[in-house]
Amino acid sequence: MKQKFRIPDSFQLHGITFAVRYDSNLCRDTDHTGEARYRTAEIVLNAPNTNWPPQNLLDQTFCHELVHMILNEMQSKLHSDESHVDLFASLLHQFLITAEYGEDTK
C-alpha cells in the first residue's frame, strides 16, 4: 500500500527539535519557496495560496531544506552546495513518494 508523503510540523536532528512553518510572504519577499534557518532551527516554506506552489513543489522544497539541515548538522561544507543539495533532495523525495510497503508494515 502506497503512503502519501506528508510534511511534518517538526522533527529532530541530534536531539534538537526543528520546526516547520509556513510564511505567505516568503516567495514574495525572497523569491524562494523555502528556507533552512539554522540559527532558529526551522524550515520555512511558502504558504500555499490558490494553486501555487503546488503540493509536489512544497514537498520537494521541504526535502531540499531538510538536506541543508542534515548536512549542516553533519558539519559538512556541502550544506551550501546547491547542486549537491538539490540532487540529494530530489532522490530523497523520489524515494519518499514511491516507496511501497507490504500490508504487514505499520
N, C-alpha and C. Protein backbone atom coordinates (compact mmCIF):
# COMPACT_ATOMS: atom_id res chain seq x y z
N MET A 1 0.85 -1.19 0.00
CA MET A 1 0.00 0.00 0.00
C MET A 1 0.89 1.25 0.00
N LYS A 2 0.65 2.14 -0.95
CA LYS A 2 1.43 3.34 -1.07
C LYS A 2 0.96 4.38 -0.05
N GLN A 3 1.89 4.98 0.65
CA GLN A 3 1.56 6.00 1.63
C GLN A 3 1.91 7.37 1.06
N LYS A 4 1.05 8.34 1.32
CA LYS A 4 1.29 9.70 0.85
C LYS A 4 2.34 10.37 1.74
N PHE A 5 3.27 11.05 1.12
CA PHE A 5 4.28 11.80 1.85
C PHE A 5 3.62 13.01 2.52
N ARG A 6 3.97 13.23 3.76
CA ARG A 6 3.44 14.39 4.48
C ARG A 6 4.58 15.20 5.06
N ILE A 7 4.50 16.51 4.93
CA ILE A 7 5.48 17.40 5.53
C ILE A 7 5.17 17.45 7.02
N PRO A 8 6.18 17.21 7.87
CA PRO A 8 5.91 17.22 9.31
C PRO A 8 5.81 18.64 9.87
N ASP A 9 5.26 18.74 11.07
CA ASP A 9 5.22 20.02 11.79
C ASP A 9 6.55 20.29 12.48
N SER A 10 7.24 19.21 12.84
CA SER A 10 8.55 19.32 13.47
C SER A 10 9.28 17.99 13.33
N PHE A 11 10.56 18.00 13.60
CA PHE A 11 11.38 16.78 13.57
C PHE A 11 12.62 17.05 14.41
N GLN A 12 13.38 16.01 14.70
CA GLN A 12 14.60 16.18 15.48
C GLN A 12 15.82 15.70 14.73
N LEU A 13 16.92 16.42 14.91
CA LEU A 13 18.24 16.03 14.45
C LEU A 13 19.19 16.28 15.61
N HIS A 14 19.98 15.29 15.99
CA HIS A 14 20.90 15.42 17.12
C HIS A 14 20.20 15.90 18.39
N GLY A 15 18.94 15.50 18.57
CA GLY A 15 18.20 15.87 19.77
C GLY A 15 17.67 17.29 19.76
N ILE A 16 17.89 18.01 18.68
CA ILE A 16 17.38 19.38 18.55
C ILE A 16 16.06 19.30 17.77
N THR A 17 15.03 19.95 18.29
CA THR A 17 13.75 19.98 17.59
C THR A 17 13.74 21.13 16.60
N PHE A 18 13.45 20.78 15.37
CA PHE A 18 13.34 21.76 14.29
C PHE A 18 11.87 21.93 13.96
N ALA A 19 11.44 23.16 13.84
CA ALA A 19 10.04 23.45 13.49
C ALA A 19 9.92 23.64 11.99
N VAL A 20 8.75 23.32 11.49
CA VAL A 20 8.43 23.60 10.09
C VAL A 20 7.25 24.55 10.11
N ARG A 21 7.41 25.69 9.47
CA ARG A 21 6.32 26.65 9.46
C ARG A 21 6.15 27.22 8.07
N TYR A 22 5.02 27.88 7.89
CA TYR A 22 4.66 28.44 6.58
C TYR A 22 4.59 29.95 6.68
N ASP A 23 5.02 30.61 5.62
CA ASP A 23 5.01 32.07 5.56
C ASP A 23 4.46 32.48 4.19
N SER A 24 3.32 33.14 4.19
CA SER A 24 2.69 33.52 2.92
C SER A 24 3.47 34.61 2.18
N ASN A 25 4.41 35.26 2.84
CA ASN A 25 5.19 36.32 2.19
C ASN A 25 6.56 35.86 1.72
N LEU A 26 6.93 34.62 2.02
CA LEU A 26 8.29 34.17 1.73
C LEU A 26 8.64 34.32 0.25
N CYS A 27 7.84 33.80 -0.62
CA CYS A 27 8.14 33.86 -2.06
C CYS A 27 8.14 35.29 -2.56
N ARG A 28 7.22 36.08 -2.06
CA ARG A 28 7.14 37.48 -2.50
C ARG A 28 8.35 38.27 -2.01
N ASP A 29 8.78 38.00 -0.77
CA ASP A 29 9.89 38.77 -0.19
C ASP A 29 11.27 38.29 -0.64
N THR A 30 11.43 36.98 -0.88
CA THR A 30 12.75 36.44 -1.18
C THR A 30 12.85 35.71 -2.50
N ASP A 31 11.73 35.43 -3.15
CA ASP A 31 11.68 34.65 -4.39
C ASP A 31 12.09 33.20 -4.15
N HIS A 32 12.01 32.74 -2.90
CA HIS A 32 12.30 31.35 -2.55
C HIS A 32 11.00 30.66 -2.16
N THR A 33 10.94 29.35 -2.39
CA THR A 33 9.78 28.59 -1.90
C THR A 33 10.07 27.97 -0.54
N GLY A 34 11.31 28.08 -0.08
CA GLY A 34 11.65 27.56 1.24
C GLY A 34 13.00 28.06 1.69
N GLU A 35 13.21 28.00 3.01
CA GLU A 35 14.49 28.41 3.60
C GLU A 35 14.82 27.52 4.78
N ALA A 36 16.08 27.14 4.89
CA ALA A 36 16.59 26.46 6.08
C ALA A 36 17.19 27.55 6.96
N ARG A 37 16.62 27.73 8.12
CA ARG A 37 17.12 28.76 9.04
C ARG A 37 17.84 28.07 10.19
N TYR A 38 19.16 28.02 10.06
CA TYR A 38 19.98 27.28 11.01
C TYR A 38 19.91 27.87 12.42
N ARG A 39 20.02 29.19 12.53
CA ARG A 39 20.04 29.84 13.85
C ARG A 39 18.78 29.59 14.65
N THR A 40 17.63 29.57 13.97
CA THR A 40 16.36 29.41 14.68
C THR A 40 15.83 27.98 14.60
N ALA A 41 16.61 27.08 14.01
CA ALA A 41 16.24 25.66 13.90
C ALA A 41 14.84 25.49 13.31
N GLU A 42 14.67 26.06 12.12
CA GLU A 42 13.37 25.93 11.47
C GLU A 42 13.52 25.88 9.96
N ILE A 43 12.56 25.22 9.37
CA ILE A 43 12.40 25.25 7.92
C ILE A 43 11.14 26.07 7.67
N VAL A 44 11.27 27.07 6.83
CA VAL A 44 10.14 27.93 6.49
C VAL A 44 9.80 27.67 5.03
N LEU A 45 8.54 27.37 4.78
CA LEU A 45 8.05 27.10 3.44
C LEU A 45 7.04 28.16 3.04
N ASN A 46 7.00 28.46 1.77
CA ASN A 46 5.99 29.39 1.28
C ASN A 46 4.61 28.77 1.50
N ALA A 47 3.73 29.52 2.12
CA ALA A 47 2.38 29.02 2.37
C ALA A 47 1.64 28.92 1.05
N PRO A 48 1.00 27.77 0.82
CA PRO A 48 0.25 27.65 -0.44
C PRO A 48 -0.94 28.60 -0.46
N ASN A 49 -1.09 29.30 -1.56
CA ASN A 49 -2.28 30.13 -1.75
C ASN A 49 -2.79 29.87 -3.16
N THR A 50 -4.05 29.76 -3.29
CA THR A 50 -4.71 29.29 -4.51
C THR A 50 -4.07 27.97 -4.92
N ASN A 51 -3.44 27.93 -6.08
CA ASN A 51 -2.81 26.68 -6.53
C ASN A 51 -1.30 26.77 -6.60
N TRP A 52 -0.73 27.81 -6.01
CA TRP A 52 0.73 27.93 -6.06
C TRP A 52 1.31 28.16 -4.69
N PRO A 53 2.38 27.54 -4.28
CA PRO A 53 3.01 26.47 -5.04
C PRO A 53 2.22 25.17 -4.93
N PRO A 54 2.31 24.32 -5.96
CA PRO A 54 1.62 23.04 -5.90
C PRO A 54 2.24 22.16 -4.81
N GLN A 55 1.46 21.22 -4.29
CA GLN A 55 1.92 20.40 -3.17
C GLN A 55 3.21 19.65 -3.50
N ASN A 56 3.34 19.14 -4.72
CA ASN A 56 4.57 18.40 -5.04
C ASN A 56 5.80 19.30 -4.98
N LEU A 57 5.66 20.58 -5.32
CA LEU A 57 6.78 21.51 -5.21
C LEU A 57 7.09 21.79 -3.74
N LEU A 58 6.07 21.95 -2.92
CA LEU A 58 6.30 22.14 -1.48
C LEU A 58 6.99 20.93 -0.87
N ASP A 59 6.54 19.73 -1.25
CA ASP A 59 7.16 18.50 -0.74
C ASP A 59 8.63 18.45 -1.14
N GLN A 60 8.92 18.75 -2.41
CA GLN A 60 10.30 18.75 -2.89
C GLN A 60 11.11 19.82 -2.17
N THR A 61 10.53 20.98 -1.97
CA THR A 61 11.23 22.07 -1.28
C THR A 61 11.54 21.68 0.16
N PHE A 62 10.58 21.03 0.83
CA PHE A 62 10.84 20.56 2.19
C PHE A 62 12.05 19.63 2.20
N CYS A 63 12.09 18.67 1.28
CA CYS A 63 13.22 17.74 1.21
C CYS A 63 14.53 18.50 0.98
N HIS A 64 14.50 19.49 0.12
CA HIS A 64 15.69 20.30 -0.17
C HIS A 64 16.19 20.99 1.10
N GLU A 65 15.27 21.63 1.82
CA GLU A 65 15.67 22.34 3.04
C GLU A 65 16.10 21.35 4.13
N LEU A 66 15.47 20.18 4.18
CA LEU A 66 15.87 19.14 5.14
C LEU A 66 17.30 18.69 4.87
N VAL A 67 17.65 18.50 3.62
CA VAL A 67 19.02 18.10 3.28
C VAL A 67 20.00 19.19 3.72
N HIS A 68 19.66 20.47 3.52
CA HIS A 68 20.51 21.55 4.04
C HIS A 68 20.73 21.37 5.54
N MET A 69 19.65 21.12 6.27
CA MET A 69 19.74 20.98 7.74
C MET A 69 20.59 19.78 8.13
N ILE A 70 20.36 18.64 7.47
CA ILE A 70 21.12 17.43 7.80
C ILE A 70 22.61 17.65 7.54
N LEU A 71 22.95 18.19 6.38
CA LEU A 71 24.36 18.42 6.06
C LEU A 71 24.99 19.45 7.00
N ASN A 72 24.22 20.44 7.40
CA ASN A 72 24.72 21.43 8.35
C ASN A 72 25.00 20.76 9.70
N GLU A 73 24.09 19.89 10.15
CA GLU A 73 24.29 19.18 11.41
C GLU A 73 25.49 18.24 11.33
N MET A 74 25.77 17.74 10.13
CA MET A 74 26.94 16.88 9.93
C MET A 74 28.23 17.70 9.82
N GLN A 75 28.10 19.01 9.87
CA GLN A 75 29.20 19.94 9.71
C GLN A 75 29.90 19.74 8.36
N SER A 76 29.10 19.43 7.37
CA SER A 76 29.61 19.23 6.01
C SER A 76 29.59 20.55 5.25
N LYS A 77 30.66 20.80 4.55
CA LYS A 77 30.72 22.01 3.71
C LYS A 77 29.73 21.92 2.55
N LEU A 78 29.24 20.71 2.28
CA LEU A 78 28.28 20.53 1.20
C LEU A 78 26.92 21.15 1.51
N HIS A 79 26.69 21.57 2.76
CA HIS A 79 25.39 22.15 3.09
C HIS A 79 25.09 23.43 2.29
N SER A 80 26.12 24.05 1.74
CA SER A 80 25.90 25.27 0.95
C SER A 80 26.09 25.03 -0.55
N ASP A 81 26.28 23.78 -0.94
CA ASP A 81 26.44 23.44 -2.35
C ASP A 81 25.05 23.12 -2.92
N GLU A 82 24.45 24.11 -3.56
CA GLU A 82 23.06 23.98 -4.02
C GLU A 82 22.87 22.84 -5.02
N SER A 83 23.83 22.59 -5.88
CA SER A 83 23.70 21.48 -6.84
C SER A 83 23.66 20.14 -6.11
N HIS A 84 24.56 19.97 -5.15
CA HIS A 84 24.59 18.73 -4.38
C HIS A 84 23.31 18.56 -3.56
N VAL A 85 22.90 19.61 -2.88
CA VAL A 85 21.69 19.57 -2.05
C VAL A 85 20.48 19.26 -2.91
N ASP A 86 20.37 19.89 -4.06
CA ASP A 86 19.20 19.68 -4.92
C ASP A 86 19.14 18.26 -5.46
N LEU A 87 20.28 17.72 -5.86
CA LEU A 87 20.30 16.34 -6.36
C LEU A 87 19.95 15.35 -5.25
N PHE A 88 20.55 15.52 -4.07
CA PHE A 88 20.27 14.65 -2.94
C PHE A 88 18.78 14.74 -2.58
N ALA A 89 18.25 15.95 -2.50
CA ALA A 89 16.85 16.16 -2.13
C ALA A 89 15.90 15.54 -3.17
N SER A 90 16.24 15.66 -4.43
CA SER A 90 15.41 15.09 -5.48
C SER A 90 15.33 13.58 -5.36
N LEU A 91 16.46 12.94 -5.08
CA LEU A 91 16.48 11.48 -4.90
C LEU A 91 15.72 11.09 -3.63
N LEU A 92 15.90 11.84 -2.56
CA LEU A 92 15.18 11.56 -1.31
C LEU A 92 13.68 11.70 -1.52
N HIS A 93 13.26 12.75 -2.19
CA HIS A 93 11.85 12.98 -2.45
C HIS A 93 11.27 11.84 -3.29
N GLN A 94 12.00 11.44 -4.32
CA GLN A 94 11.51 10.34 -5.17
C GLN A 94 11.35 9.07 -4.35
N PHE A 95 12.31 8.77 -3.49
CA PHE A 95 12.19 7.60 -2.62
C PHE A 95 10.93 7.70 -1.75
N LEU A 96 10.74 8.85 -1.12
CA LEU A 96 9.61 9.00 -0.19
C LEU A 96 8.25 8.87 -0.87
N ILE A 97 8.13 9.35 -2.10
CA ILE A 97 6.82 9.30 -2.75
C ILE A 97 6.58 8.01 -3.52
N THR A 98 7.63 7.22 -3.74
CA THR A 98 7.44 5.98 -4.49
C THR A 98 7.61 4.73 -3.66
N ALA A 99 8.03 4.85 -2.41
CA ALA A 99 8.25 3.68 -1.56
C ALA A 99 6.95 2.93 -1.39
N GLU A 100 7.04 1.63 -1.54
CA GLU A 100 5.87 0.77 -1.35
C GLU A 100 6.14 -0.15 -0.17
N TYR A 101 5.13 -0.37 0.63
CA TYR A 101 5.24 -1.16 1.84
C TYR A 101 4.25 -2.32 1.78
N GLY A 102 4.68 -3.44 2.35
CA GLY A 102 3.78 -4.59 2.43
C GLY A 102 2.64 -4.33 3.40
N GLU A 103 1.63 -5.14 3.31
CA GLU A 103 0.46 -4.95 4.17
C GLU A 103 0.78 -5.08 5.65
N ASP A 104 1.77 -5.87 6.00
CA ASP A 104 2.09 -6.07 7.40
C ASP A 104 2.99 -4.97 7.96
N THR A 105 3.41 -4.03 7.12
CA THR A 105 4.24 -2.92 7.57
C THR A 105 3.38 -1.86 8.22
N LYS A 106 3.77 -1.43 9.40
CA LYS A 106 2.98 -0.42 10.12
C LYS A 106 3.47 0.97 9.82
